[in-house]
């Protein structure tokens, strides 16, 4: 795979001029596809397939982000179950990346949850000595856990953005988890990612709420719309990274989808 020195041109044109984040464009991104609702409904079915469905979704998102970077006139391929195994193999890298990057936080919060449970058990046994007074020790521990969760959420979002961009473009776990490359990406994008994640999250929450109001089942299509918008948001942040002089991320060579091969044969 071709590598690029510092300040080199990306493989698909000159470094872009830095622009603002377009949140509504990201949220409406999936509807740029001609048969958007067909894909949304088929992708909704994936949500009912444990683990495997999520991996296939990641594979589809890899194709989207790579097409965006190549300036493909059709950035969103119509989802087809004939591409299921193709996307399944491609989605492994971002899926594993997500697990590995969130694992330290899972361990820490799991340990804190265990401590909270132990404190609660001890406090409950000792309540008869305090004449039913509130178990302040329990409340304090739970308060600390909540504060740590809130404090770590932005860092997790920043780390996951960097990891998923690299995973979806390279589909190579070694290149994705390169510490120096991840750190370089985070240094140039952490503030943008922090603000963009917060503002897009506000918009996404309204979409999810509308989905819940549609007899609850609408939550699943709403999740697909929001998740696809996140791919576009990651692309916009990556363009800012390039505009600020960041090293281009090597993109996996294009591979024709099985469904597209069948339609052209």
Protein backbone atom coordinates (compact mmCIF):
# COMPACT_ATOMS: atom_id res chain seq x y z
CA UNK A 1 0.00 0.00 0.00
CA UNK A 2 1.30 3.42 -0.93
CA UNK A 3 2.46 5.62 1.95
CA UNK A 4 2.52 9.39 2.02
CA UNK A 5 5.14 11.68 3.52
CA UNK A 6 4.25 14.69 5.62
CA UNK A 7 2.41 17.39 3.67
CA UNK A 8 1.97 15.06 0.66
CA UNK A 9 -1.09 15.22 -1.55
CA UNK A 10 -3.89 12.77 -0.79
CA UNK A 11 -4.38 10.06 -3.44
CA UNK A 12 -7.60 11.64 -4.74
CA UNK A 13 -6.67 15.28 -5.18
CA UNK A 14 -5.12 18.24 -3.39
CA UNK A 15 -5.69 18.70 0.35
CA UNK A 16 -9.13 20.27 0.78
CA UNK A 17 -9.66 23.79 2.09
CA UNK A 18 -10.89 23.69 5.68
CA UNK A 19 -14.64 24.13 5.94
CA UNK A 20 -17.23 24.05 8.68
CA UNK A 21 -19.06 20.89 9.68
CA UNK A 22 -22.42 20.44 7.95
CA UNK A 23 -24.55 18.60 10.50
CA UNK A 24 -27.82 18.54 8.56
CA UNK A 25 -25.99 17.28 5.48
CA UNK A 26 -24.63 14.41 7.55
CA UNK A 27 -28.04 13.58 9.00
CA UNK A 28 -29.67 13.61 5.54
CA UNK A 29 -26.76 11.84 3.89
CA UNK A 30 -28.43 8.45 3.46
CA UNK A 31 -31.23 10.06 1.44
CA UNK A 32 -28.74 11.05 -1.24
CA UNK A 33 -29.09 7.43 -2.32
CA UNK A 34 -31.81 6.85 -4.90
CA UNK A 35 -33.41 3.88 -3.13
CA UNK A 36 -32.69 5.03 0.40
CA UNK A 37 -35.71 3.49 2.11
CA UNK A 38 -35.03 0.10 0.54
CA UNK A 39 -31.55 0.09 2.09
CA UNK A 40 -32.82 1.43 5.41
CA UNK A 41 -35.38 -1.36 5.72
CA UNK A 42 -32.88 -4.08 4.78
CA UNK A 43 -30.30 -2.67 7.18
CA UNK A 44 -32.96 -2.61 9.90
CA UNK A 45 -33.18 -6.39 9.53
CA UNK A 46 -29.45 -6.55 10.34
CA UNK A 47 -30.10 -5.01 13.75
CA UNK A 48 -31.97 -8.18 14.73
CA UNK A 49 -28.95 -10.40 13.94
CA UNK A 50 -26.72 -10.45 17.05
CA UNK A 51 -23.06 -9.43 16.50
CA UNK A 52 -22.93 -10.56 12.88
CA UNK A 53 -25.43 -7.89 11.82
CA UNK A 54 -23.28 -5.19 13.43
CA UNK A 55 -20.16 -6.49 11.66
CA UNK A 56 -21.94 -6.45 8.30
CA UNK A 57 -23.07 -2.88 9.00
CA UNK A 58 -19.45 -1.88 9.64
CA UNK A 59 -18.44 -3.46 6.31
CA UNK A 60 -21.08 -1.39 4.51
CA UNK A 61 -19.81 1.74 6.25
CA UNK A 62 -16.23 0.93 5.14
CA UNK A 63 -17.39 0.99 1.54
CA UNK A 64 -19.20 4.31 2.06
CA UNK A 65 -16.27 6.13 3.67
CA UNK A 66 -13.85 4.86 1.04
CA UNK A 67 -16.17 5.98 -1.76
CA UNK A 68 -16.48 9.40 -0.16
CA UNK A 69 -12.71 9.71 -0.06
CA UNK A 70 -12.45 8.60 -3.71
CA UNK A 71 -15.11 11.19 -4.64
CA UNK A 72 -17.26 8.43 -6.07
CA UNK A 73 -20.42 9.86 -7.68
CA UNK A 74 -22.39 7.11 -5.92
CA UNK A 75 -20.99 7.21 -2.37
CA UNK A 76 -23.71 5.04 -0.82
CA UNK A 77 -24.08 1.60 -2.40
CA UNK A 78 -27.59 0.19 -2.28
CA UNK A 79 -27.57 -2.48 0.41
CA UNK A 80 -28.19 -6.00 -0.83
CA UNK A 81 -28.06 -9.30 1.05
CA UNK A 82 -26.06 -10.71 -1.87
CA UNK A 83 -23.19 -8.61 -0.45
CA UNK A 84 -23.68 -10.01 3.06
CA UNK A 85 -20.53 -12.17 3.28
CA UNK A 86 -18.51 -9.51 1.45
CA UNK A 87 -19.40 -6.88 4.04
CA UNK A 88 -19.00 -9.41 6.87
CA UNK A 89 -15.32 -9.94 6.04
CA UNK A 90 -14.70 -6.21 5.64
CA UNK A 91 -16.44 -5.23 8.86
CA UNK A 92 -14.18 -7.26 11.13
CA UNK A 93 -11.46 -4.59 11.43
CA UNK A 94 -13.71 -1.71 12.61
CA UNK A 95 -15.64 -4.10 14.86
CA UNK A 96 -12.47 -5.35 16.57
CA UNK A 97 -11.13 -1.79 16.70
CA UNK A 98 -14.21 -0.66 18.61
CA UNK A 99 -13.83 -3.51 21.11
CA UNK A 100 -10.11 -2.93 21.69
CA UNK A 101 -10.40 0.84 22.08
CA UNK A 102 -13.30 0.65 24.51
CA UNK A 103 -11.99 -2.33 26.50
CA UNK A 104 -9.92 -0.26 29.00
CA UNK A 105 -12.97 1.84 29.82
CA UNK A 106 -15.14 -1.27 30.14
CA UNK A 107 -12.68 -2.79 32.61
CA UNK A 108 -12.48 0.38 34.70
CA UNK A 109 -16.25 0.92 34.86
CA UNK A 110 -16.81 -2.78 35.46
CA UNK A 111 -14.47 -2.61 38.45
CA UNK A 112 -16.18 0.53 39.74
CA UNK A 113 -19.55 -1.18 39.35
CA UNK A 114 -18.29 -4.10 41.42
CA UNK A 115 -17.03 -1.74 44.10
CA UNK A 116 -20.39 0.05 44.09
CA UNK A 117 -22.21 -3.24 44.59
CA UNK A 118 -19.94 -4.21 47.50
CA UNK A 119 -20.37 -0.82 49.15
CA UNK A 120 -24.14 -1.04 48.69
CA UNK A 121 -24.22 -4.49 50.28
CA UNK A 122 -22.17 -3.38 53.28
CA UNK A 123 -24.21 -0.19 53.67
CA UNK A 124 -27.48 -2.11 53.52
CA UNK A 125 -26.36 -4.45 56.28
CA UNK A 126 -25.33 -1.53 58.42
CA UNK A 127 -28.46 0.59 57.97
CA UNK A 128 -30.04 -0.72 61.17
CA UNK A 129 -27.15 0.92 63.04
CA UNK A 130 -27.86 4.28 61.40
CA UNK A 131 -31.61 4.24 62.11
CA UNK A 132 -32.54 4.27 58.42
CA UNK A 133 -30.39 7.26 57.48
CA UNK A 134 -29.50 7.57 53.76
CA UNK A 135 -26.54 5.34 52.78
CA UNK A 136 -24.20 8.21 51.95
CA UNK A 137 -21.33 5.87 51.11
CA UNK A 138 -23.40 4.21 48.38
CA UNK A 139 -24.58 7.54 46.99
CA UNK A 140 -21.01 8.85 46.99
CA UNK A 141 -19.66 5.86 45.08
CA UNK A 142 -22.46 5.99 42.52
CA UNK A 143 -21.87 9.73 42.17
CA UNK A 144 -18.19 9.16 41.43
CA UNK A 145 -19.05 6.51 38.84
CA UNK A 146 -21.50 8.85 37.12
CA UNK A 147 -19.01 11.73 37.08
CA UNK A 148 -16.28 9.51 35.65
CA UNK A 149 -18.68 8.24 32.99
CA UNK A 150 -19.60 11.77 31.95
CA UNK A 151 -15.97 12.91 32.01
CA UNK A 152 -14.77 9.98 29.90
CA UNK A 153 -17.56 10.17 27.28
CA UNK A 154 -15.90 12.94 25.21
CA UNK A 155 -12.54 11.16 25.30
CA UNK A 156 -14.15 7.92 24.15
CA UNK A 157 -15.87 9.75 21.28
CA UNK A 158 -12.59 11.35 20.19
CA UNK A 159 -10.69 8.06 20.41
CA UNK A 160 -13.41 6.10 18.58
CA UNK A 161 -13.61 8.68 15.80
CA UNK A 162 -9.89 8.39 15.14
CA UNK A 163 -9.96 4.59 15.33
CA UNK A 164 -12.99 4.11 13.09
CA UNK A 165 -11.76 6.50 10.39
CA UNK A 166 -8.51 4.58 10.14
CA UNK A 167 -10.26 1.20 10.32
CA UNK A 168 -12.84 2.04 7.66
CA UNK A 169 -10.30 3.50 5.23
CA UNK A 170 -7.50 0.96 5.62
CA UNK A 171 -9.37 -2.18 6.76
CA UNK A 172 -6.03 -3.12 8.32
CA UNK A 173 -5.92 -3.63 12.09
CA UNK A 174 -2.17 -2.98 12.38
CA UNK A 175 -2.40 0.36 10.55
CA UNK A 176 -5.57 1.26 12.43
CA UNK A 177 -4.08 0.79 15.90
CA UNK A 178 -0.72 2.43 15.18
CA UNK A 179 -0.29 4.52 18.33
CA UNK A 180 1.64 7.33 16.64
CA UNK A 181 -0.88 7.59 13.80
CA UNK A 182 -3.86 7.60 16.17
CA UNK A 183 -2.20 10.24 18.35
CA UNK A 184 -1.40 12.43 15.33
CA UNK A 185 -5.00 12.24 14.17
CA UNK A 186 -6.37 13.02 17.63
CA UNK A 187 -4.04 16.03 18.03
CA UNK A 188 -5.45 17.66 14.89
CA UNK A 189 -9.10 16.74 15.39
CA UNK A 190 -9.89 16.43 19.10
CA UNK A 191 -11.56 19.84 19.46
CA UNK A 192 -13.53 19.44 16.23
CA UNK A 193 -14.62 15.93 17.18
CA UNK A 194 -15.68 17.06 20.65
CA UNK A 195 -17.93 19.84 19.34
CA UNK A 196 -19.18 17.85 16.33
CA UNK A 197 -20.10 14.81 18.43
CA UNK A 198 -22.05 16.96 20.87
CA UNK A 199 -23.98 18.94 18.25
CA UNK A 200 -24.67 15.95 16.02
CA UNK A 201 -25.76 14.05 19.11
CA UNK A 202 -28.39 16.69 19.79
CA UNK A 203 -29.77 16.40 16.26
CA UNK A 204 -29.61 12.61 16.37
CA UNK A 205 -31.54 12.54 19.65
CA UNK A 206 -34.51 14.22 17.93
CA UNK A 207 -34.43 11.63 15.13
CA UNK A 208 -34.30 8.80 17.68
CA UNK A 209 -37.18 10.39 19.61
CA UNK A 210 -39.27 10.58 16.44
CA UNK A 211 -38.49 6.93 15.83
CA UNK A 212 -39.67 6.04 19.33
CA UNK A 213 -42.90 7.94 18.75
CA UNK A 214 -43.58 5.80 15.66
CA UNK A 215 -44.82 2.85 17.70
CA UNK A 216 -41.27 2.16 18.91
CA UNK A 217 -40.38 0.20 15.75
CA UNK A 218 -39.32 3.46 14.11
CA UNK A 219 -36.34 3.46 16.46
CA UNK A 220 -34.54 0.96 14.24
CA UNK A 221 -34.73 2.88 10.93
CA UNK A 222 -33.87 6.03 12.88
CA UNK A 223 -30.74 4.31 14.18
CA UNK A 224 -29.70 3.46 10.61
CA UNK A 225 -30.16 7.08 9.52
CA UNK A 226 -28.10 8.35 12.46
CA UNK A 227 -25.35 5.75 12.02
CA UNK A 228 -24.98 6.51 8.30
CA UNK A 229 -24.83 10.20 9.12
CA UNK A 230 -21.97 9.44 11.51
CA UNK A 231 -19.97 8.05 8.58
CA UNK A 232 -20.44 11.34 6.74
CA UNK A 233 -19.51 13.24 9.90
CA UNK A 234 -16.29 11.22 10.22
CA UNK A 235 -15.52 12.03 6.60
CA UNK A 236 -15.98 15.76 7.22
CA UNK A 237 -13.67 15.62 10.24
CA UNK A 238 -11.11 13.71 8.18
CA UNK A 239 -11.22 16.47 5.54
CA UNK A 240 -10.44 18.98 8.27
CA UNK A 241 -7.54 16.78 9.37
CA UNK A 242 -6.11 16.84 5.81
CA UNK A 243 -6.66 20.59 5.51
CA UNK A 244 -4.59 21.05 8.69
CA UNK A 245 -1.64 19.20 7.17
CA UNK A 246 -2.31 15.71 8.47
CA UNK A 247 -0.83 12.67 6.73
CA UNK A 248 -3.38 11.07 4.38
CA UNK A 249 -4.59 7.68 5.57
CA UNK A 250 -3.88 4.91 3.03
CA UNK A 251 -7.15 3.79 1.47
CA UNK A 252 -7.79 0.17 0.62
CA UNK A 253 -7.88 -0.40 -3.17
CA UNK A 254 -11.45 -0.46 -4.50
CA UNK A 255 -13.18 -3.83 -4.88
CA UNK A 256 -16.37 -4.22 -6.89
CA UNK A 257 -19.31 -5.42 -4.84
CA UNK A 258 -20.82 -8.84 -5.74
CA UNK A 259 -24.20 -7.21 -6.38
CA UNK A 260 -22.62 -4.67 -8.75
CA UNK A 261 -20.71 -7.42 -10.54
CA UNK A 262 -23.94 -9.31 -11.07
CA UNK A 263 -25.71 -6.25 -12.46
CA UNK A 264 -22.94 -5.54 -14.99
CA UNK A 265 -22.45 -9.14 -16.15
